[in-house]
Amino acid sequence: MALAQELYDTPACRLDSFVAQWLQPRREWKEEVMGAVRTVEKFLREEHFQGDGLDQEVRVLKVLKVGSFGNGTVLRNAAEVELVVFLSCFCSFQEEARYHQAVLRLIRKKLWRCQDLLALGLEDMWVARGVPDALVFTLQTKGIVGLITITIVPAYKALGPLASNLQPPPDVYVSLIKAHGYPGNFSPSFSELQRNFVKHRPTKLKSLLRLVKHWYLQTHHPGSS
Protein backbone atom coordinates (compact mmCIF):
# COMPACT_ATOMS: atom_id res chain seq x y z
CA MET A 1 0.00 0.00 0.00
CA ALA A 2 3.06 2.29 0.01
CA LEU A 3 2.45 3.55 -3.50
CA ALA A 4 -1.21 4.21 -2.74
CA GLN A 5 -0.19 6.34 0.25
CA GLU A 6 2.30 8.22 -1.93
CA LEU A 7 -0.45 8.90 -4.45
CA TYR A 8 -2.68 10.38 -1.75
CA ASP A 9 0.18 12.62 -0.62
CA THR A 10 1.03 13.80 -4.13
CA PRO A 11 -0.16 17.32 -5.04
CA ALA A 12 -1.91 17.78 -8.39
CA CYS A 13 1.07 19.63 -9.87
CA ARG A 14 3.25 16.53 -9.39
CA LEU A 15 0.89 13.83 -10.68
CA ASP A 16 2.63 13.71 -14.07
CA SER A 17 5.91 12.97 -12.30
CA PHE A 18 4.21 10.30 -10.18
CA VAL A 19 2.93 8.56 -13.30
CA ALA A 20 6.32 8.73 -15.00
CA GLN A 21 8.21 7.51 -11.93
CA TRP A 22 5.90 4.75 -10.71
CA LEU A 23 3.29 3.77 -13.29
CA GLN A 24 4.62 4.03 -16.84
CA PRO A 25 6.42 0.88 -17.99
CA ARG A 26 10.13 1.09 -18.70
CA ARG A 27 11.09 0.89 -22.36
CA GLU A 28 13.22 -2.25 -21.97
CA TRP A 29 10.42 -4.03 -20.10
CA LYS A 30 7.80 -3.10 -22.69
CA GLU A 31 10.04 -4.13 -25.60
CA GLU A 32 10.59 -7.54 -24.03
CA VAL A 33 6.86 -8.11 -23.59
CA MET A 34 6.13 -6.97 -27.13
CA GLY A 35 8.83 -9.28 -28.47
CA ALA A 36 6.99 -12.27 -27.00
CA VAL A 37 3.65 -10.94 -28.25
CA ARG A 38 5.03 -10.60 -31.79
CA THR A 39 5.95 -14.29 -31.68
CA VAL A 40 2.33 -15.12 -30.84
CA GLU A 41 1.05 -12.80 -33.57
CA LYS A 42 3.39 -14.40 -36.12
CA PHE A 43 2.10 -17.85 -35.21
CA LEU A 44 -1.53 -16.73 -35.59
CA ARG A 45 -0.98 -15.01 -38.94
CA GLU A 46 0.99 -17.86 -40.50
CA GLU A 47 -0.97 -20.83 -39.16
CA HIS A 48 -4.00 -22.27 -40.93
CA PHE A 49 -6.64 -24.00 -38.82
CA GLN A 50 -8.94 -26.76 -39.98
CA GLY A 51 -10.95 -29.60 -38.48
CA ASP A 52 -12.87 -30.04 -35.23
CA GLY A 53 -16.25 -29.48 -36.89
CA LEU A 54 -15.08 -26.77 -39.28
CA ASP A 55 -15.50 -27.68 -42.95
CA GLN A 56 -13.18 -24.96 -44.21
CA GLU A 57 -9.64 -23.77 -43.73
CA VAL A 58 -9.56 -20.92 -41.25
CA ARG A 59 -7.25 -17.97 -41.76
CA VAL A 60 -6.51 -15.08 -39.45
CA LEU A 61 -7.65 -11.81 -41.04
CA LYS A 62 -6.24 -9.54 -38.35
CA VAL A 63 -4.71 -9.66 -34.88
CA LEU A 64 -5.54 -6.70 -32.65
CA LYS A 65 -3.91 -5.80 -29.36
CA VAL A 66 -6.62 -4.53 -27.03
CA GLY A 67 -6.87 -3.64 -23.36
CA SER A 68 -4.12 -1.65 -21.69
CA PHE A 69 -1.40 -2.67 -24.14
CA GLY A 70 -3.61 -1.82 -27.09
CA ASN A 71 -4.72 1.63 -25.99
CA GLY A 72 -1.48 2.75 -24.36
CA THR A 73 -2.46 2.73 -20.67
CA VAL A 74 -0.59 -0.33 -19.42
CA LEU A 75 0.77 -0.16 -15.88
CA ARG A 76 4.36 -0.96 -15.05
CA ASN A 77 4.99 -4.70 -14.53
CA ALA A 78 1.43 -5.65 -15.57
CA ALA A 79 2.48 -8.23 -18.17
CA GLU A 80 -0.99 -9.25 -19.34
CA VAL A 81 -1.78 -8.88 -23.04
CA GLU A 82 -5.15 -9.49 -24.72
CA LEU A 83 -5.34 -10.26 -28.44
CA VAL A 84 -8.55 -10.24 -30.46
CA VAL A 85 -8.22 -12.54 -33.49
CA PHE A 86 -10.53 -11.89 -36.44
CA LEU A 87 -11.07 -15.09 -38.44
CA SER A 88 -12.17 -15.90 -41.99
CA CYS A 89 -14.65 -18.57 -40.86
CA PHE A 90 -16.84 -16.01 -39.10
CA CYS A 91 -19.12 -14.36 -41.69
CA SER A 92 -21.80 -13.34 -39.20
CA PHE A 93 -22.40 -13.01 -35.48
CA GLN A 94 -24.36 -16.27 -35.61
CA GLU A 95 -21.40 -18.15 -37.12
CA GLU A 96 -19.08 -16.67 -34.53
CA ALA A 97 -21.32 -18.02 -31.77
CA ARG A 98 -21.64 -21.39 -33.50
CA TYR A 99 -17.92 -22.03 -34.08
CA HIS A 100 -16.38 -20.15 -31.16
CA GLN A 101 -15.60 -23.22 -29.05
CA ALA A 102 -14.31 -25.22 -32.04
CA VAL A 103 -11.91 -22.41 -32.93
CA LEU A 104 -10.63 -22.22 -29.36
CA ARG A 105 -9.90 -25.97 -29.43
CA LEU A 106 -8.08 -25.69 -32.78
CA ILE A 107 -5.91 -22.79 -31.67
CA ARG A 108 -5.11 -24.61 -28.43
CA LYS A 109 -3.94 -27.73 -30.30
CA LYS A 110 -1.80 -25.72 -32.70
CA LEU A 111 -0.20 -23.66 -29.94
CA TRP A 112 1.20 -26.78 -28.29
CA ARG A 113 2.98 -27.61 -31.57
CA CYS A 114 4.56 -24.17 -32.10
CA GLN A 115 8.28 -24.56 -31.42
CA ASP A 116 8.88 -20.80 -31.14
CA LEU A 117 6.31 -20.55 -28.35
CA LEU A 118 7.51 -23.71 -26.62
CA ALA A 119 10.95 -22.12 -26.60
CA LEU A 120 9.39 -19.20 -24.71
CA GLY A 121 8.18 -21.56 -22.00
CA LEU A 122 4.59 -21.96 -23.14
CA GLU A 123 2.58 -23.51 -20.31
CA ASP A 124 -0.55 -23.32 -18.15
CA MET A 125 -2.97 -23.08 -21.08
CA TRP A 126 -6.66 -23.04 -20.27
CA VAL A 127 -10.03 -21.80 -21.54
CA ALA A 128 -11.25 -18.94 -19.38
CA ARG A 129 -15.02 -19.04 -19.10
CA GLY A 130 -16.49 -15.62 -19.67
CA VAL A 131 -18.43 -13.42 -22.08
CA PRO A 132 -17.08 -14.63 -24.42
CA ASP A 133 -14.80 -17.55 -23.55
CA ALA A 134 -11.10 -16.97 -24.23
CA LEU A 135 -7.87 -18.97 -24.46
CA VAL A 136 -5.29 -18.03 -21.83
CA PHE A 137 -1.68 -19.16 -21.51
CA THR A 138 1.63 -17.98 -20.10
CA LEU A 139 5.07 -17.44 -21.58
CA GLN A 140 8.31 -17.26 -19.58
CA THR A 141 10.92 -14.80 -20.81
CA LYS A 142 14.55 -14.98 -19.80
CA GLY A 143 14.92 -11.25 -19.32
CA ILE A 144 13.56 -8.70 -16.87
CA VAL A 145 9.85 -9.44 -17.39
CA GLY A 146 9.50 -13.05 -16.37
CA LEU A 147 5.97 -14.40 -16.75
CA ILE A 148 3.66 -12.97 -19.43
CA THR A 149 -0.04 -13.85 -19.60
CA ILE A 150 -1.58 -13.89 -23.07
CA THR A 151 -5.34 -13.97 -23.72
CA ILE A 152 -6.70 -14.82 -27.19
CA VAL A 153 -10.31 -14.03 -28.11
CA PRO A 154 -11.63 -15.15 -31.54
CA ALA A 155 -14.07 -12.69 -33.12
CA TYR A 156 -16.15 -11.88 -36.19
CA LYS A 157 -14.75 -8.88 -38.11
CA ALA A 158 -18.10 -7.11 -38.21
CA LEU A 159 -16.65 -3.69 -39.01
CA GLY A 160 -14.86 -4.80 -42.17
CA PRO A 161 -12.26 -2.32 -43.50
CA LEU A 162 -13.82 0.54 -41.56
CA ALA A 163 -11.44 3.45 -40.90
CA SER A 164 -10.61 4.00 -37.24
CA ASN A 165 -12.28 7.45 -37.15
CA LEU A 166 -15.60 6.41 -38.72
CA GLN A 167 -18.79 5.07 -37.19
CA PRO A 168 -20.09 1.64 -38.31
CA PRO A 169 -23.05 1.61 -40.68
CA PRO A 170 -26.46 1.00 -39.03
CA ASP A 171 -26.83 -2.47 -40.56
CA VAL A 172 -23.96 -3.71 -38.36
CA TYR A 173 -26.06 -2.96 -35.28
CA VAL A 174 -29.17 -4.41 -36.91
CA SER A 175 -27.38 -7.73 -37.50
CA LEU A 176 -26.04 -7.59 -33.93
CA ILE A 177 -29.57 -7.25 -32.54
CA LYS A 178 -30.87 -10.05 -34.75
CA ALA A 179 -28.12 -12.37 -33.51
CA HIS A 180 -29.79 -12.46 -30.05
CA GLY A 181 -26.45 -12.96 -28.32
CA TYR A 182 -25.83 -12.87 -24.59
CA PRO A 183 -25.03 -9.27 -23.49
CA GLY A 184 -21.37 -8.58 -24.25
CA ASN A 185 -20.81 -11.82 -26.13
CA PHE A 186 -19.96 -10.04 -29.39
CA SER A 187 -18.13 -7.05 -27.90
CA PRO A 188 -14.72 -8.23 -29.29
CA SER A 189 -16.07 -7.52 -32.79
CA PHE A 190 -16.14 -3.85 -31.80
CA SER A 191 -12.82 -3.88 -29.94
CA GLU A 192 -11.11 -1.70 -32.55
CA LEU A 193 -13.56 1.11 -31.84
CA GLN A 194 -13.10 0.61 -28.11
CA ARG A 195 -9.31 0.65 -28.41
CA ASN A 196 -9.16 3.70 -30.67
CA PHE A 197 -11.46 5.66 -28.39
CA VAL A 198 -8.59 5.81 -25.90
CA LYS A 199 -5.53 5.20 -28.08
CA HIS A 200 -5.77 8.50 -29.95
CA ARG A 201 -6.55 10.61 -26.90
CA PRO A 202 -4.00 13.02 -25.32
CA THR A 203 -1.31 11.72 -22.98
CA LYS A 204 -2.96 13.55 -20.08
CA LEU A 205 -6.05 11.36 -20.36
CA LYS A 206 -3.95 8.18 -20.52
CA SER A 207 -2.08 9.30 -17.41
CA LEU A 208 -5.41 9.84 -15.65
CA LEU A 209 -6.52 6.33 -16.62
CA ARG A 210 -3.27 4.90 -15.26
CA LEU A 211 -3.82 6.75 -11.99
CA VAL A 212 -7.39 5.46 -11.67
CA LYS A 213 -6.35 1.86 -12.43
CA HIS A 214 -3.46 2.08 -9.98
CA TRP A 215 -5.73 3.49 -7.27
CA TYR A 216 -8.33 0.76 -7.91
CA LEU A 217 -5.81 -2.08 -7.81
CA GLN A 218 -4.16 -0.80 -4.65
CA THR A 219 -7.41 -0.08 -2.88
CA HIS A 220 -9.61 -3.01 -3.92
CA HIS A 221 -7.03 -5.65 -4.85
CA PRO A 222 -4.05 -5.26 -2.48
CA GLY A 223 -1.05 -7.12 -3.79
CA SER A 224 -2.10 -6.98 -7.47
CA SER A 225 0.39 -5.71 -10.02
C-alpha atoms as a PDB file:
ATOM      1  CA  MET A   1       0.000   0.000   0.000  1.00  0.00           C
ATOM      2  CA  ALA A   2       3.056   2.291   0.009  1.00  0.00           C
ATOM      3  CA  LEU A   3       2.445   3.548  -3.499  1.00  0.00           C
ATOM      4  CA  ALA A   4      -1.206   4.206  -2.736  1.00  0.00           C
ATOM      5  CA  GLN A   5      -0.194   6.337   0.246  1.00  0.00           C
ATOM      6  CA  GLU A   6       2.304   8.222  -1.928  1.00  0.00           C
ATOM      7  CA  LEU A   7      -0.451   8.898  -4.451  1.00  0.00           C
ATOM      8  CA  TYR A   8      -2.682  10.379  -1.747  1.00  0.00           C
ATOM      9  CA  ASP A   9       0.184  12.616  -0.621  1.00  0.00           C
ATOM     10  CA  THR A  10       1.034  13.797  -4.134  1.00  0.00           C
ATOM     11  CA  PRO A  11      -0.163  17.322  -5.039  1.00  0.00           C
ATOM     12  CA  ALA A  12      -1.915  17.781  -8.395  1.00  0.00           C
ATOM     13  CA  CYS A  13       1.069  19.629  -9.871  1.00  0.00           C
ATOM     14  CA  ARG A  14       3.255  16.526  -9.392  1.00  0.00           C
ATOM     15  CA  LEU A  15       0.892  13.831 -10.675  1.00  0.00           C
ATOM     16  CA  ASP A  16       2.631  13.712 -14.067  1.00  0.00           C
ATOM     17  CA  SER A  17       5.911  12.974 -12.296  1.00  0.00           C
ATOM     18  CA  PHE A  18       4.212  10.304 -10.183  1.00  0.00           C
ATOM     19  CA  VAL A  19       2.927   8.559 -13.299  1.00  0.00           C
ATOM     20  CA  ALA A  20       6.324   8.728 -15.000  1.00  0.00           C
ATOM     21  CA  GLN A  21       8.215   7.510 -11.932  1.00  0.00           C
ATOM     22  CA  TRP A  22       5.904   4.751 -10.712  1.00  0.00           C
ATOM     23  CA  LEU A  23       3.293   3.768 -13.285  1.00  0.00           C
ATOM     24  CA  GLN A  24       4.617   4.029 -16.837  1.00  0.00           C
ATOM     25  CA  PRO A  25       6.418   0.875 -17.990  1.00  0.00           C
ATOM     26  CA  ARG A  26      10.126   1.091 -18.701  1.00  0.00           C
ATOM     27  CA  ARG A  27      11.095   0.890 -22.362  1.00  0.00           C
ATOM     28  CA  GLU A  28      13.216  -2.252 -21.968  1.00  0.00           C
ATOM     29  CA  TRP A  29      10.419  -4.028 -20.097  1.00  0.00           C
ATOM     30  CA  LYS A  30       7.803  -3.102 -22.691  1.00  0.00           C
ATOM     31  CA  GLU A  31      10.042  -4.125 -25.603  1.00  0.00           C
ATOM     32  CA  GLU A  32      10.594  -7.541 -24.029  1.00  0.00           C
ATOM     33  CA  VAL A  33       6.860  -8.107 -23.589  1.00  0.00           C
ATOM     34  CA  MET A  34       6.133  -6.975 -27.133  1.00  0.00           C
ATOM     35  CA  GLY A  35       8.826  -9.276 -28.475  1.00  0.00           C
ATOM     36  CA  ALA A  36       6.990 -12.268 -26.999  1.00  0.00           C
ATOM     37  CA  VAL A  37       3.651 -10.937 -28.252  1.00  0.00           C
ATOM     38  CA  ARG A  38       5.034 -10.598 -31.788  1.00  0.00           C
ATOM     39  CA  THR A  39       5.951 -14.290 -31.678  1.00  0.00           C
ATOM     40  CA  VAL A  40       2.328 -15.117 -30.839  1.00  0.00           C
ATOM     41  CA  GLU A  41       1.049 -12.805 -33.571  1.00  0.00           C
ATOM     42  CA  LYS A  42       3.394 -14.397 -36.124  1.00  0.00           C
ATOM     43  CA  PHE A  43       2.097 -17.850 -35.210  1.00  0.00           C
ATOM     44  CA  LEU A  44      -1.526 -16.734 -35.588  1.00  0.00           C
ATOM     45  CA  ARG A  45      -0.979 -15.012 -38.938  1.00  0.00           C
ATOM     46  CA  GLU A  46       0.994 -17.855 -40.503  1.00  0.00           C
ATOM     47  CA  GLU A  47      -0.968 -20.829 -39.164  1.00  0.00           C
ATOM     48  CA  HIS A  48      -4.002 -22.270 -40.928  1.00  0.00           C
ATOM     49  CA  PHE A  49      -6.636 -23.999 -38.822  1.00  0.00           C
ATOM     50  CA  GLN A  50      -8.940 -26.765 -39.980  1.00  0.00           C
ATOM     51  CA  GLY A  51     -10.951 -29.604 -38.478  1.00  0.00           C
ATOM     52  CA  ASP A  52     -12.873 -30.038 -35.229  1.00  0.00           C
ATOM     53  CA  GLY A  53     -16.249 -29.484 -36.893  1.00  0.00           C
ATOM     54  CA  LEU A  54     -15.083 -26.769 -39.284  1.00  0.00           C
ATOM     55  CA  ASP A  55     -15.496 -27.683 -42.949  1.00  0.00           C
ATOM     56  CA  GLN A  56     -13.184 -24.965 -44.206  1.00  0.00           C
ATOM     57  CA  GLU A  57      -9.635 -23.770 -43.734  1.00  0.00           C
ATOM     58  CA  VAL A  58      -9.558 -20.923 -41.251  1.00  0.00           C
ATOM     59  CA  ARG A  59      -7.245 -17.973 -41.760  1.00  0.00           C
ATOM     60  CA  VAL A  60      -6.505 -15.080 -39.451  1.00  0.00           C
ATOM     61  CA  LEU A  61      -7.649 -11.813 -41.037  1.00  0.00           C
ATOM     62  CA  LYS A  62      -6.237  -9.536 -38.350  1.00  0.00           C
ATOM     63  CA  VAL A  63      -4.714  -9.657 -34.883  1.00  0.00           C
ATOM     64  CA  LEU A  64      -5.537  -6.703 -32.652  1.00  0.00           C
ATOM     65  CA  LYS A  65      -3.912  -5.804 -29.357  1.00  0.00           C
ATOM     66  CA  VAL A  66      -6.623  -4.532 -27.032  1.00  0.00           C
ATOM     67  CA  GLY A  67      -6.872  -3.639 -23.364  1.00  0.00           C
ATOM     68  CA  SER A  68      -4.121  -1.654 -21.695  1.00  0.00           C
ATOM     69  CA  PHE A  69      -1.398  -2.668 -24.139  1.00  0.00           C
ATOM     70  CA  GLY A  70      -3.607  -1.815 -27.088  1.00  0.00           C
ATOM     71  CA  ASN A  71      -4.724   1.627 -25.987  1.00  0.00           C
ATOM     72  CA  GLY A  72      -1.479   2.754 -24.356  1.00  0.00           C
ATOM     73  CA  THR A  73      -2.459   2.729 -20.671  1.00  0.00           C
ATOM     74  CA  VAL A  74      -0.589  -0.330 -19.417  1.00  0.00           C
ATOM     75  CA  LEU A  75       0.768  -0.158 -15.883  1.00  0.00           C
ATOM     76  CA  ARG A  76       4.355  -0.960 -15.050  1.00  0.00           C
ATOM     77  CA  ASN A  77       4.988  -4.698 -14.533  1.00  0.00           C
ATOM     78  CA  ALA A  78       1.426  -5.655 -15.572  1.00  0.00           C
ATOM     79  CA  ALA A  79       2.478  -8.229 -18.174  1.00  0.00           C
ATOM     80  CA  GLU A  80      -0.992  -9.246 -19.341  1.00  0.00           C
ATOM     81  CA  VAL A  81      -1.784  -8.880 -23.039  1.00  0.00           C
ATOM     82  CA  GLU A  82      -5.147  -9.490 -24.723  1.00  0.00           C
ATOM     83  CA  LEU A  83      -5.339 -10.260 -28.443  1.00  0.00           C
ATOM     84  CA  VAL A  84      -8.550 -10.245 -30.464  1.00  0.00           C
ATOM     85  CA  VAL A  85      -8.217 -12.535 -33.491  1.00  0.00           C
ATOM     86  CA  PHE A  86     -10.526 -11.893 -36.442  1.00  0.00           C
ATOM     87  CA  LEU A  87     -11.069 -15.089 -38.438  1.00  0.00           C
ATOM     88  CA  SER A  88     -12.174 -15.895 -41.987  1.00  0.00           C
ATOM     89  CA  CYS A  89     -14.655 -18.575 -40.859  1.00  0.00           C
ATOM     90  CA  PHE A  90     -16.840 -16.006 -39.101  1.00  0.00           C
ATOM     91  CA  CYS A  91     -19.115 -14.360 -41.691  1.00  0.00           C
ATOM     92  CA  SER A  92     -21.796 -13.339 -39.199  1.00  0.00           C
ATOM     93  CA  PHE A  93     -22.400 -13.010 -35.482  1.00  0.00           C
ATOM     94  CA  GLN A  94     -24.364 -16.274 -35.608  1.00  0.00           C
ATOM     95  CA  GLU A  95     -21.398 -18.155 -37.120  1.00  0.00           C
ATOM     96  CA  GLU A  96     -19.082 -16.668 -34.529  1.00  0.00           C
ATOM     97  CA  ALA A  97     -21.316 -18.019 -31.770  1.00  0.00           C
ATOM     98  CA  ARG A  98     -21.641 -21.395 -33.498  1.00  0.00           C
ATOM     99  CA  TYR A  99     -17.922 -22.029 -34.080  1.00  0.00           C
ATOM    100  CA  HIS A 100     -16.383 -20.145 -31.163  1.00  0.00           C
ATOM    101  CA  GLN A 101     -15.601 -23.217 -29.053  1.00  0.00           C
ATOM    102  CA  ALA A 102     -14.311 -25.217 -32.044  1.00  0.00           C
ATOM    103  CA  VAL A 103     -11.906 -22.408 -32.933  1.00  0.00           C
ATOM    104  CA  LEU A 104     -10.629 -22.225 -29.360  1.00  0.00           C
ATOM    105  CA  ARG A 105      -9.902 -25.966 -29.432  1.00  0.00           C
ATOM    106  CA  LEU A 106      -8.081 -25.688 -32.780  1.00  0.00           C
ATOM    107  CA  ILE A 107      -5.909 -22.794 -31.669  1.00  0.00           C
ATOM    108  CA  ARG A 108      -5.114 -24.613 -28.431  1.00  0.00           C
ATOM    109  CA  LYS A 109      -3.935 -27.731 -30.296  1.00  0.00           C
ATOM    110  CA  LYS A 110      -1.803 -25.720 -32.704  1.00  0.00           C
ATOM    111  CA  LEU A 111      -0.203 -23.663 -29.945  1.00  0.00           C
ATOM    112  CA  TRP A 112       1.201 -26.782 -28.292  1.00  0.00           C
ATOM    113  CA  ARG A 113       2.983 -27.606 -31.567  1.00  0.00           C
ATOM    114  CA  CYS A 114       4.560 -24.174 -32.096  1.00  0.00           C
ATOM    115  CA  GLN A 115       8.283 -24.563 -31.416  1.00  0.00           C
ATOM    116  CA  ASP A 116       8.876 -20.805 -31.142  1.00  0.00           C
ATOM    117  CA  LEU A 117       6.312 -20.551 -28.347  1.00  0.00           C
ATOM    118  CA  LEU A 118       7.505 -23.708 -26.619  1.00  0.00           C
ATOM    119  CA  ALA A 119      10.950 -22.122 -26.601  1.00  0.00           C
ATOM    120  CA  LEU A 120       9.387 -19.201 -24.715  1.00  0.00           C
ATOM    121  CA  GLY A 121       8.180 -21.557 -22.002  1.00  0.00           C
ATOM    122  CA  LEU A 122       4.590 -21.962 -23.144  1.00  0.00           C
ATOM    123  CA  GLU A 123       2.581 -23.512 -20.314  1.00  0.00           C
ATOM    124  CA  ASP A 124      -0.548 -23.319 -18.151  1.00  0.00           C
ATOM    125  CA  MET A 125      -2.971 -23.077 -21.083  1.00  0.00           C
ATOM    126  CA  TRP A 126      -6.663 -23.039 -20.274  1.00  0.00           C
ATOM    127  CA  VAL A 127     -10.026 -21.804 -21.543  1.00  0.00           C
ATOM    128  CA  ALA A 128     -11.247 -18.938 -19.377  1.00  0.00           C
ATOM    129  CA  ARG A 129     -15.019 -19.041 -19.095  1.00  0.00           C
ATOM    130  CA  GLY A 130     -16.494 -15.622 -19.672  1.00  0.00           C
ATOM    131  CA  VAL A 131     -18.427 -13.425 -22.079  1.00  0.00           C
ATOM    132  CA  PRO A 132     -17.080 -14.634 -24.424  1.00  0.00           C
ATOM    133  CA  ASP A 133     -14.800 -17.547 -23.551  1.00  0.00           C
ATOM    134  CA  ALA A 134     -11.104 -16.971 -24.230  1.00  0.00           C
ATOM    135  CA  LEU A 135      -7.874 -18.968 -24.464  1.00  0.00           C
ATOM    136  CA  VAL A 136      -5.289 -18.033 -21.834  1.00  0.00           C
ATOM    137  CA  PHE A 137      -1.678 -19.159 -21.506  1.00  0.00           C
ATOM    138  CA  THR A 138       1.625 -17.980 -20.097  1.00  0.00           C
ATOM    139  CA  LEU A 139       5.071 -17.439 -21.577  1.00  0.00           C
ATOM    140  CA  GLN A 140       8.305 -17.262 -19.581  1.00  0.00           C
ATOM    141  CA  THR A 141      10.920 -14.796 -20.806  1.00  0.00           C
ATOM    142  CA  LYS A 142      14.551 -14.984 -19.797  1.00  0.00           C
ATOM    143  CA  GLY A 143      14.922 -11.246 -19.318  1.00  0.00           C
ATOM    144  CA  ILE A 144      13.556  -8.704 -16.866  1.00  0.00           C
ATOM    145  CA  VAL A 145       9.850  -9.440 -17.393  1.00  0.00           C
ATOM    146  CA  GLY A 146       9.504 -13.053 -16.368  1.00  0.00           C
ATOM    147  CA  LEU A 147       5.973 -14.403 -16.751  1.00  0.00           C
ATOM    148  CA  ILE A 148       3.657 -12.974 -19.431  1.00  0.00           C
ATOM    149  CA  THR A 149      -0.036 -13.855 -19.601  1.00  0.00           C
ATOM    150  CA  ILE A 150      -1.583 -13.894 -23.069  1.00  0.00           C
ATOM    151  CA  THR A 151      -5.337 -13.972 -23.721  1.00  0.00           C
ATOM    152  CA  ILE A 152      -6.698 -14.821 -27.191  1.00  0.00           C
ATOM    153  CA  VAL A 153     -10.307 -14.031 -28.107  1.00  0.00           C
ATOM    154  CA  PRO A 154     -11.634 -15.154 -31.542  1.00  0.00           C
ATOM    155  CA  ALA A 155     -14.075 -12.695 -33.120  1.00  0.00           C
ATOM    156  CA  TYR A 156     -16.148 -11.884 -36.193  1.00  0.00           C
ATOM    157  CA  LYS A 157     -14.753  -8.885 -38.111  1.00  0.00           C
ATOM    158  CA  ALA A 158     -18.096  -7.113 -38.208  1.00  0.00           C
ATOM    159  CA  LEU A 159     -16.655  -3.688 -39.008  1.00  0.00           C
ATOM    160  CA  GLY A 160     -14.855  -4.803 -42.173  1.00  0.00           C
ATOM    161  CA  PRO A 161     -12.258  -2.321 -43.503  1.00  0.00           C
ATOM    162  CA  LEU A 162     -13.821   0.545 -41.559  1.00  0.00           C
ATOM    163  CA  ALA A 163     -11.443   3.451 -40.898  1.00  0.00           C
ATOM    164  CA  SER A 164     -10.606   3.996 -37.244  1.00  0.00           C
ATOM    165  CA  ASN A 165     -12.276   7.446 -37.146  1.00  0.00           C
ATOM    166  CA  LEU A 166     -15.603   6.409 -38.722  1.00  0.00           C
ATOM    167  CA  GLN A 167     -18.785   5.070 -37.191  1.00  0.00           C
ATOM    168  CA  PRO A 168     -20.086   1.645 -38.308  1.00  0.00           C
ATOM    169  CA  PRO A 169     -23.053   1.612 -40.682  1.00  0.00           C
ATOM    170  CA  PRO A 170     -26.457   1.002 -39.034  1.00  0.00           C
ATOM    171  CA  ASP A 171     -26.826  -2.470 -40.558  1.00  0.00           C
ATOM    172  CA  VAL A 172     -23.964  -3.706 -38.356  1.00  0.00           C
ATOM    173  CA  TYR A 173     -26.057  -2.964 -35.279  1.00  0.00           C
ATOM    174  CA  VAL A 174     -29.168  -4.411 -36.914  1.00  0.00           C
ATOM    175  CA  SER A 175     -27.378  -7.727 -37.499  1.00  0.00           C
ATOM    176  CA  LEU A 176     -26.038  -7.586 -33.933  1.00  0.00           C
ATOM    177  CA  ILE A 177     -29.567  -7.246 -32.543  1.00  0.00           C
ATOM    178  CA  LYS A 178     -30.871 -10.048 -34.752  1.00  0.00           C
ATOM    179  CA  ALA A 179     -28.119 -12.371 -33.507  1.00  0.00           C
ATOM    180  CA  HIS A 180     -29.787 -12.463 -30.053  1.00  0.00           C
ATOM    181  CA  GLY A 181     -26.450 -12.961 -28.320  1.00  0.00           C
ATOM    182  CA  TYR A 182     -25.833 -12.873 -24.593  1.00  0.00           C
ATOM    183  CA  PRO A 183     -25.030  -9.274 -23.490  1.00  0.00           C
ATOM    184  CA  GLY A 184     -21.370  -8.577 -24.245  1.00  0.00           C
ATOM    185  CA  ASN A 185     -20.808 -11.820 -26.132  1.00  0.00           C
ATOM    186  CA  PHE A 186     -19.959 -10.045 -29.389  1.00  0.00           C
ATOM    187  CA  SER A 187     -18.135  -7.051 -27.896  1.00  0.00           C
ATOM    188  CA  PRO A 188     -14.722  -8.226 -29.285  1.00  0.00           C
ATOM    189  CA  SER A 189     -16.071  -7.521 -32.788  1.00  0.00           C
ATOM    190  CA  PHE A 190     -16.137  -3.849 -31.798  1.00  0.00           C
ATOM    191  CA  SER A 191     -12.820  -3.877 -29.942  1.00  0.00           C
ATOM    192  CA  GLU A 192     -11.105  -1.703 -32.551  1.00  0.00           C
ATOM    193  CA  LEU A 193     -13.562   1.113 -31.845  1.00  0.00           C
ATOM    194  CA  GLN A 194     -13.101   0.614 -28.115  1.00  0.00           C
ATOM    195  CA  ARG A 195      -9.313   0.653 -28.407  1.00  0.00           C
ATOM    196  CA  ASN A 196      -9.162   3.695 -30.673  1.00  0.00           C
ATOM    197  CA  PHE A 197     -11.459   5.665 -28.386  1.00  0.00           C
ATOM    198  CA  VAL A 198      -8.587   5.810 -25.897  1.00  0.00           C
ATOM    199  CA  LYS A 199      -5.526   5.198 -28.082  1.00  0.00           C
ATOM    200  CA  HIS A 200      -5.769   8.501 -29.954  1.00  0.00           C
ATOM    201  CA  ARG A 201      -6.552  10.613 -26.903  1.00  0.00           C
ATOM    202  CA  PRO A 202      -3.998  13.017 -25.319  1.00  0.00           C
ATOM    203  CA  THR A 203      -1.311  11.723 -22.982  1.00  0.00           C
ATOM    204  CA  LYS A 204      -2.964  13.555 -20.078  1.00  0.00           C
ATOM    205  CA  LEU A 205      -6.048  11.360 -20.358  1.00  0.00           C
ATOM    206  CA  LYS A 206      -3.954   8.181 -20.518  1.00  0.00           C
ATOM    207  CA  SER A 207      -2.084   9.304 -17.413  1.00  0.00           C
ATOM    208  CA  LEU A 208      -5.407   9.838 -15.654  1.00  0.00           C
ATOM    209  CA  LEU A 209      -6.524   6.326 -16.617  1.00  0.00           C
ATOM    210  CA  ARG A 210      -3.273   4.895 -15.260  1.00  0.00           C
ATOM    211  CA  LEU A 211      -3.822   6.751 -11.991  1.00  0.00           C
ATOM    212  CA  VAL A 212      -7.388   5.456 -11.671  1.00  0.00           C
ATOM    213  CA  LYS A 213      -6.352   1.860 -12.434  1.00  0.00           C
ATOM    214  CA  HIS A 214      -3.458   2.083  -9.976  1.00  0.00           C
ATOM    215  CA  TRP A 215      -5.729   3.486  -7.270  1.00  0.00           C
ATOM    216  CA  TYR A 216      -8.328   0.758  -7.911  1.00  0.00           C
ATOM    217  CA  LEU A 217      -5.811  -2.083  -7.805  1.00  0.00           C
ATOM    218  CA  GLN A 218      -4.155  -0.801  -4.654  1.00  0.00           C
ATOM    219  CA  THR A 219      -7.413  -0.083  -2.876  1.00  0.00           C
ATOM    220  CA  HIS A 220      -9.609  -3.012  -3.920  1.00  0.00           C
ATOM    221  CA  HIS A 221      -7.032  -5.654  -4.847  1.00  0.00           C
ATOM    222  CA  PRO A 222      -4.051  -5.257  -2.482  1.00  0.00           C
ATOM    223  CA  GLY A 223      -1.051  -7.120  -3.794  1.00  0.00           C
ATOM    224  CA  SER A 224      -2.097  -6.985  -7.466  1.00  0.00           C
ATOM    225  CA  SER A 225       0.389  -5.705 -10.022  1.00  0.00           C
END
